Protein backbone atom coordinates (compact mmCIF):
# COMPACT_ATOMS: atom_id res chain seq x y z
CA UNK A 1 -0.06 0.08 -0.08
CA UNK A 2 2.75 2.10 0.96
CA UNK A 3 4.23 2.00 -2.72
CA UNK A 4 1.08 2.85 -4.35
CA UNK A 5 0.69 5.99 -2.59
CA UNK A 6 4.38 6.62 -2.85
CA UNK A 7 3.93 6.21 -6.91
CA UNK A 8 1.32 8.32 -7.35
CA UNK A 9 3.02 11.30 -4.82
CA UNK A 10 5.91 11.20 -7.60
CA UNK A 11 3.79 11.36 -10.84
CA UNK A 12 1.77 14.31 -9.20
CA UNK A 13 4.79 16.03 -8.49
CA UNK A 14 6.51 15.40 -12.03
CA UNK A 15 2.68 16.90 -13.64
CA UNK A 16 3.14 19.82 -11.65
CA UNK A 17 6.60 20.57 -12.10
CA UNK A 18 5.65 20.08 -15.91
CA UNK A 19 2.78 22.55 -15.42
CA UNK A 20 4.68 25.23 -14.10
CA UNK A 21 7.50 24.68 -17.18
CA UNK A 22 4.41 24.93 -19.41
CA UNK A 23 3.59 27.93 -18.11
CA UNK A 24 6.76 29.59 -17.70
CA UNK A 25 7.33 29.03 -21.42
CA UNK A 26 3.65 30.40 -22.36
CA UNK A 27 4.59 33.55 -20.34
CA UNK A 28 8.13 33.89 -21.79
CA UNK A 29 6.98 33.68 -24.95
CA UNK A 30 4.52 36.32 -24.66
CA UNK A 31 6.91 38.44 -23.27
CA UNK A 32 8.58 38.07 -26.35
CA UNK A 33 5.92 39.09 -28.34
CA UNK A 34 5.26 42.23 -26.40
CA UNK A 35 8.51 43.23 -26.50
CA UNK A 36 8.90 42.81 -30.62
CA UNK A 37 5.46 44.68 -31.42
CA UNK A 38 6.54 47.33 -29.21
CA UNK A 39 10.05 47.60 -30.90
CA UNK A 40 8.94 47.08 -34.13
CA UNK A 41 5.72 49.78 -33.68
CA UNK A 42 8.63 52.16 -31.68
CA UNK A 43 10.83 52.22 -35.08
CA UNK A 44 8.01 53.94 -36.93
CA UNK A 45 8.22 57.20 -37.63
CA UNK A 46 5.39 59.88 -36.46
CA UNK A 47 3.69 59.91 -39.94
CA UNK A 48 3.74 55.65 -40.77
CA UNK A 49 2.08 55.82 -37.29
CA UNK A 50 -0.64 58.39 -38.15
CA UNK A 51 -1.03 56.79 -41.40
CA UNK A 52 -2.32 53.85 -39.31
CA UNK A 53 -3.95 55.96 -36.49
CA UNK A 54 -1.43 54.96 -33.98
CA UNK A 55 -0.25 57.72 -31.25
CA UNK A 56 3.14 56.99 -29.89
CA UNK A 57 1.68 57.04 -26.63
CA UNK A 58 -0.71 53.72 -27.39
CA UNK A 59 2.59 51.76 -28.19
CA UNK A 60 2.46 50.01 -24.72
CA UNK A 61 -1.30 49.25 -25.03
CA UNK A 62 -1.22 47.96 -28.39
CA UNK A 63 2.09 45.40 -27.43
CA UNK A 64 0.09 44.64 -24.26
CA UNK A 65 -3.37 43.49 -26.32
CA UNK A 66 -0.80 41.48 -28.88
CA UNK A 67 0.98 39.53 -26.20
CA UNK A 68 -1.75 38.90 -23.96
CA UNK A 69 -5.27 39.86 -25.54
CA UNK A 70 -7.60 42.21 -23.96
CA UNK A 71 -7.80 42.59 -20.22
């Protein structure tokens, strides 16, 4: 009986650790999207941003929405 509960405990810990790494990977991927979007928008001239209907003050919010979705 003891052997059975130890096996289940180890399996649960492994699954939990796997979930943590998956979550961290997802968060890091989202952060990379945020940084890249923000960087690309900041490289545009004021004229180009205006043509897109974007003000410089909107760049962070747009990058955040691109990476994490609406809140």
